[in-house]
Amino acid sequence: EEVQLYLWVGSNVPKNTKVMDFSGSQNNEIIGMDMNNCDWCAENMALRKDFLNKTSAQVYTFLKQNGYEYLILDVGRSVRAFETQLGSPENSQKVVLEKFKEYLSSDFTIFIDL
Protein backbone atom coordinates (compact mmCIF):
# COMPACT_ATOMS: atom_id res chain seq x y z
CA GLU A 1 0.00 0.00 0.00
CA GLU A 2 2.73 2.47 0.90
CA VAL A 3 4.24 2.38 -2.56
CA GLN A 4 0.96 3.54 -4.16
CA LEU A 5 1.36 7.11 -2.91
CA TYR A 6 4.91 7.32 -4.26
CA LEU A 7 3.80 5.94 -7.62
CA TRP A 8 0.98 8.50 -7.73
CA VAL A 9 3.38 11.36 -6.95
CA GLY A 10 5.78 10.13 -9.62
CA SER A 11 2.97 10.13 -12.19
CA ASN A 12 1.16 13.34 -11.20
CA VAL A 13 3.71 15.82 -9.85
CA PRO A 14 6.10 17.47 -12.35
CA LYS A 15 9.60 16.00 -12.36
CA ASN A 16 12.20 17.75 -10.17
CA THR A 17 9.52 19.34 -7.97
CA LYS A 18 10.82 19.82 -4.44
CA VAL A 19 9.10 17.20 -2.29
CA MET A 20 10.00 16.56 1.35
CA ASP A 21 9.34 12.95 2.22
CA PHE A 22 9.11 12.29 5.93
CA SER A 23 9.03 8.65 6.90
CA GLY A 24 11.06 8.70 10.08
CA SER A 25 14.27 7.81 8.30
CA GLN A 26 16.97 9.54 6.30
CA ASN A 27 16.25 7.36 3.28
CA ASN A 28 14.90 9.41 0.43
CA GLU A 29 12.77 7.22 -1.79
CA ILE A 30 11.20 10.26 -3.44
CA ILE A 31 14.38 10.90 -5.44
CA GLY A 32 13.67 7.61 -7.19
CA MET A 33 10.40 9.12 -8.39
CA ASP A 34 12.32 11.96 -10.13
CA MET A 35 11.50 14.45 -7.39
CA ASN A 36 13.98 16.87 -5.86
CA ASN A 37 15.01 16.59 -2.21
CA CYS A 38 18.43 17.39 -0.83
CA ASP A 39 18.48 14.35 1.43
CA TRP A 40 22.19 14.73 2.16
CA CYS A 41 21.97 18.43 3.10
CA ALA A 42 22.74 19.06 6.77
CA GLU A 43 19.63 21.16 7.35
CA ASN A 44 17.34 18.46 5.90
CA MET A 45 19.02 15.80 8.00
CA ALA A 46 18.58 17.96 11.12
CA LEU A 47 14.89 18.53 10.32
CA ARG A 48 14.22 14.82 9.93
CA LYS A 49 16.14 13.95 13.09
CA ASP A 50 14.11 16.42 15.19
CA PHE A 51 10.83 16.23 13.25
CA LEU A 52 8.66 14.97 16.11
CA ASN A 53 9.79 17.90 18.27
CA LYS A 54 9.05 20.55 15.63
CA THR A 55 5.69 22.29 15.32
CA SER A 56 3.89 22.20 12.00
CA ALA A 57 4.54 25.97 11.76
CA GLN A 58 8.30 25.42 12.13
CA VAL A 59 8.31 22.70 9.48
CA TYR A 60 6.12 24.81 7.18
CA THR A 61 8.54 27.74 7.50
CA PHE A 62 11.53 25.48 6.78
CA LEU A 63 9.86 23.97 3.74
CA LYS A 64 8.78 27.31 2.28
CA GLN A 65 12.19 28.91 2.90
CA ASN A 66 13.82 26.00 1.09
CA GLY A 67 11.44 25.97 -1.88
CA TYR A 68 9.52 22.78 -1.12
CA GLU A 69 6.06 22.46 -2.64
CA TYR A 70 4.91 19.17 -1.12
CA LEU A 71 5.29 17.21 2.07
CA ILE A 72 4.69 13.48 2.25
CA LEU A 73 3.92 12.08 5.69
CA ASP A 74 4.36 8.32 5.59
CA VAL A 75 2.57 7.00 8.67
CA GLY A 76 3.39 3.31 8.32
CA ARG A 77 7.10 3.77 7.77
CA SER A 78 7.31 6.48 10.46
CA VAL A 79 5.64 4.26 13.05
CA ARG A 80 8.12 1.48 12.30
CA ALA A 81 11.08 3.88 12.33
CA PHE A 82 10.20 5.29 15.76
CA GLU A 83 9.23 2.04 17.53
CA THR A 84 12.56 1.65 19.30
CA GLN A 85 12.82 5.31 20.27
CA LEU A 86 9.21 5.47 21.52
CA GLY A 87 9.17 2.11 23.28
CA SER A 88 6.52 0.11 21.44
CA PRO A 89 4.58 -0.09 18.18
CA GLU A 90 1.46 1.15 19.94
CA ASN A 91 3.16 4.20 21.48
CA SER A 92 4.95 4.93 18.23
CA GLN A 93 1.65 4.87 16.33
CA LYS A 94 -0.01 7.15 18.90
CA VAL A 95 2.80 9.75 18.85
CA VAL A 96 3.21 9.71 15.06
CA LEU A 97 -0.54 10.03 14.41
CA GLU A 98 -0.87 12.90 16.89
CA LYS A 99 2.05 14.71 15.25
CA PHE A 100 0.74 14.16 11.74
CA LYS A 101 -2.73 15.45 12.69
CA GLU A 102 -1.15 18.87 13.28
CA TYR A 103 -0.41 19.05 9.58
CA LEU A 104 -3.98 18.53 8.45
CA SER A 105 -4.82 22.14 9.37
CA SER A 106 -1.75 23.66 7.70
CA ASP A 107 -1.62 25.59 4.43
CA PHE A 108 0.87 23.21 2.84
CA THR A 109 -0.03 20.56 0.27
CA ILE A 110 0.39 17.28 2.11
CA PHE A 111 0.11 13.71 0.99
CA ILE A 112 -0.47 11.27 3.82
CA ASP A 113 0.17 7.61 3.32
CA LEU A 114 -1.75 5.53 5.82
C-alpha atoms as a PDB file:
ATOM      1  CA  GLU A   1       0.000   0.000   0.000  1.00  0.00           C
ATOM      2  CA  GLU A   2       2.731   2.473   0.898  1.00  0.00           C
ATOM      3  CA  VAL A   3       4.235   2.385  -2.559  1.00  0.00           C
ATOM      4  CA  GLN A   4       0.964   3.541  -4.162  1.00  0.00           C
ATOM      5  CA  LEU A   5       1.363   7.105  -2.912  1.00  0.00           C
ATOM      6  CA  TYR A   6       4.906   7.317  -4.262  1.00  0.00           C
ATOM      7  CA  LEU A   7       3.800   5.935  -7.619  1.00  0.00           C
ATOM      8  CA  TRP A   8       0.984   8.502  -7.733  1.00  0.00           C
ATOM      9  CA  VAL A   9       3.383  11.364  -6.947  1.00  0.00           C
ATOM     10  CA  GLY A  10       5.784  10.130  -9.620  1.00  0.00           C
ATOM     11  CA  SER A  11       2.971  10.126 -12.190  1.00  0.00           C
ATOM     12  CA  ASN A  12       1.164  13.342 -11.196  1.00  0.00           C
ATOM     13  CA  VAL A  13       3.710  15.816  -9.854  1.00  0.00           C
ATOM     14  CA  PRO A  14       6.096  17.470 -12.345  1.00  0.00           C
ATOM     15  CA  LYS A  15       9.603  15.996 -12.363  1.00  0.00           C
ATOM     16  CA  ASN A  16      12.197  17.751 -10.175  1.00  0.00           C
ATOM     17  CA  THR A  17       9.523  19.335  -7.969  1.00  0.00           C
ATOM     18  CA  LYS A  18      10.824  19.822  -4.438  1.00  0.00           C
ATOM     19  CA  VAL A  19       9.095  17.202  -2.293  1.00  0.00           C
ATOM     20  CA  MET A  20      10.002  16.562   1.349  1.00  0.00           C
ATOM     21  CA  ASP A  21       9.339  12.946   2.218  1.00  0.00           C
ATOM     22  CA  PHE A  22       9.106  12.290   5.931  1.00  0.00           C
ATOM     23  CA  SER A  23       9.028   8.647   6.900  1.00  0.00           C
ATOM     24  CA  GLY A  24      11.059   8.705  10.085  1.00  0.00           C
ATOM     25  CA  SER A  25      14.275   7.806   8.303  1.00  0.00           C
ATOM     26  CA  GLN A  26      16.969   9.539   6.299  1.00  0.00           C
ATOM     27  CA  ASN A  27      16.250   7.361   3.285  1.00  0.00           C
ATOM     28  CA  ASN A  28      14.902   9.408   0.426  1.00  0.00           C
ATOM     29  CA  GLU A  29      12.772   7.217  -1.791  1.00  0.00           C
ATOM     30  CA  ILE A  30      11.199  10.264  -3.436  1.00  0.00           C
ATOM     31  CA  ILE A  31      14.376  10.900  -5.443  1.00  0.00           C
ATOM     32  CA  GLY A  32      13.673   7.608  -7.191  1.00  0.00           C
ATOM     33  CA  MET A  33      10.398   9.120  -8.390  1.00  0.00           C
ATOM     34  CA  ASP A  34      12.323  11.962 -10.127  1.00  0.00           C
ATOM     35  CA  MET A  35      11.498  14.447  -7.387  1.00  0.00           C
ATOM     36  CA  ASN A  36      13.979  16.875  -5.865  1.00  0.00           C
ATOM     37  CA  ASN A  37      15.009  16.590  -2.213  1.00  0.00           C
ATOM     38  CA  CYS A  38      18.432  17.389  -0.826  1.00  0.00           C
ATOM     39  CA  ASP A  39      18.479  14.347   1.433  1.00  0.00           C
ATOM     40  CA  TRP A  40      22.194  14.733   2.161  1.00  0.00           C
ATOM     41  CA  CYS A  41      21.971  18.433   3.101  1.00  0.00           C
ATOM     42  CA  ALA A  42      22.738  19.060   6.772  1.00  0.00           C
ATOM     43  CA  GLU A  43      19.628  21.159   7.347  1.00  0.00           C
ATOM     44  CA  ASN A  44      17.344  18.463   5.897  1.00  0.00           C
ATOM     45  CA  MET A  45      19.018  15.798   8.001  1.00  0.00           C
ATOM     46  CA  ALA A  46      18.576  17.958  11.116  1.00  0.00           C
ATOM     47  CA  LEU A  47      14.888  18.533  10.317  1.00  0.00           C
ATOM     48  CA  ARG A  48      14.215  14.817   9.928  1.00  0.00           C
ATOM     49  CA  LYS A  49      16.135  13.955  13.088  1.00  0.00           C
ATOM     50  CA  ASP A  50      14.115  16.415  15.193  1.00  0.00           C
ATOM     51  CA  PHE A  51      10.830  16.229  13.249  1.00  0.00           C
ATOM     52  CA  LEU A  52       8.665  14.968  16.113  1.00  0.00           C
ATOM     53  CA  ASN A  53       9.794  17.898  18.268  1.00  0.00           C
ATOM     54  CA  LYS A  54       9.047  20.546  15.634  1.00  0.00           C
ATOM     55  CA  THR A  55       5.695  22.287  15.320  1.00  0.00           C
ATOM     56  CA  SER A  56       3.891  22.199  12.003  1.00  0.00           C
ATOM     57  CA  ALA A  57       4.542  25.969  11.760  1.00  0.00           C
ATOM     58  CA  GLN A  58       8.297  25.418  12.135  1.00  0.00           C
ATOM     59  CA  VAL A  59       8.305  22.699   9.485  1.00  0.00           C
ATOM     60  CA  TYR A  60       6.119  24.810   7.184  1.00  0.00           C
ATOM     61  CA  THR A  61       8.538  27.743   7.496  1.00  0.00           C
ATOM     62  CA  PHE A  62      11.527  25.484   6.784  1.00  0.00           C
ATOM     63  CA  LEU A  63       9.859  23.968   3.735  1.00  0.00           C
ATOM     64  CA  LYS A  64       8.781  27.313   2.283  1.00  0.00           C
ATOM     65  CA  GLN A  65      12.188  28.910   2.901  1.00  0.00           C
ATOM     66  CA  ASN A  66      13.824  26.004   1.088  1.00  0.00           C
ATOM     67  CA  GLY A  67      11.443  25.967  -1.883  1.00  0.00           C
ATOM     68  CA  TYR A  68       9.518  22.783  -1.122  1.00  0.00           C
ATOM     69  CA  GLU A  69       6.064  22.458  -2.635  1.00  0.00           C
ATOM     70  CA  TYR A  70       4.909  19.170  -1.118  1.00  0.00           C
ATOM     71  CA  LEU A  71       5.291  17.213   2.071  1.00  0.00           C
ATOM     72  CA  ILE A  72       4.689  13.476   2.248  1.00  0.00           C
ATOM     73  CA  LEU A  73       3.924  12.078   5.691  1.00  0.00           C
ATOM     74  CA  ASP A  74       4.358   8.321   5.590  1.00  0.00           C
ATOM     75  CA  VAL A  75       2.571   7.001   8.671  1.00  0.00           C
ATOM     76  CA  GLY A  76       3.388   3.313   8.318  1.00  0.00           C
ATOM     77  CA  ARG A  77       7.105   3.771   7.775  1.00  0.00           C
ATOM     78  CA  SER A  78       7.315   6.479  10.461  1.00  0.00           C
ATOM     79  CA  VAL A  79       5.639   4.261  13.047  1.00  0.00           C
ATOM     80  CA  ARG A  80       8.123   1.478  12.298  1.00  0.00           C
ATOM     81  CA  ALA A  81      11.080   3.879  12.328  1.00  0.00           C
ATOM     82  CA  PHE A  82      10.201   5.295  15.759  1.00  0.00           C
ATOM     83  CA  GLU A  83       9.227   2.036  17.528  1.00  0.00           C
ATOM     84  CA  THR A  84      12.563   1.651  19.302  1.00  0.00           C
ATOM     85  CA  GLN A  85      12.825   5.312  20.270  1.00  0.00           C
ATOM     86  CA  LEU A  86       9.214   5.474  21.523  1.00  0.00           C
ATOM     87  CA  GLY A  87       9.169   2.111  23.275  1.00  0.00           C
ATOM     88  CA  SER A  88       6.522   0.111  21.436  1.00  0.00           C
ATOM     89  CA  PRO A  89       4.584  -0.089  18.176  1.00  0.00           C
ATOM     90  CA  GLU A  90       1.461   1.155  19.944  1.00  0.00           C
ATOM     91  CA  ASN A  91       3.159   4.196  21.478  1.00  0.00           C
ATOM     92  CA  SER A  92       4.950   4.932  18.231  1.00  0.00           C
ATOM     93  CA  GLN A  93       1.648   4.875  16.334  1.00  0.00           C
ATOM     94  CA  LYS A  94      -0.006   7.149  18.899  1.00  0.00           C
ATOM     95  CA  VAL A  95       2.799   9.746  18.847  1.00  0.00           C
ATOM     96  CA  VAL A  96       3.209   9.713  15.058  1.00  0.00           C
ATOM     97  CA  LEU A  97      -0.536  10.034  14.412  1.00  0.00           C
ATOM     98  CA  GLU A  98      -0.866  12.903  16.890  1.00  0.00           C
ATOM     99  CA  LYS A  99       2.048  14.706  15.249  1.00  0.00           C
ATOM    100  CA  PHE A 100       0.742  14.163  11.741  1.00  0.00           C
ATOM    101  CA  LYS A 101      -2.733  15.450  12.685  1.00  0.00           C
ATOM    102  CA  GLU A 102      -1.152  18.868  13.283  1.00  0.00           C
ATOM    103  CA  TYR A 103      -0.406  19.046   9.581  1.00  0.00           C
ATOM    104  CA  LEU A 104      -3.981  18.532   8.455  1.00  0.00           C
ATOM    105  CA  SER A 105      -4.822  22.137   9.366  1.00  0.00           C
ATOM    106  CA  SER A 106      -1.753  23.659   7.696  1.00  0.00           C
ATOM    107  CA  ASP A 107      -1.616  25.590   4.429  1.00  0.00           C
ATOM    108  CA  PHE A 108       0.871  23.206   2.836  1.00  0.00           C
ATOM    109  CA  THR A 109      -0.026  20.557   0.266  1.00  0.00           C
ATOM    110  CA  ILE A 110       0.390  17.284   2.109  1.00  0.00           C
ATOM    111  CA  PHE A 111       0.113  13.710   0.994  1.00  0.00           C
ATOM    112  CA  ILE A 112      -0.465  11.274   3.823  1.00  0.00           C
ATOM    113  CA  ASP A 113       0.167   7.606   3.324  1.00  0.00           C
ATOM    114  CA  LEU A 114      -1.746   5.527   5.822  1.00  0.00           C
END
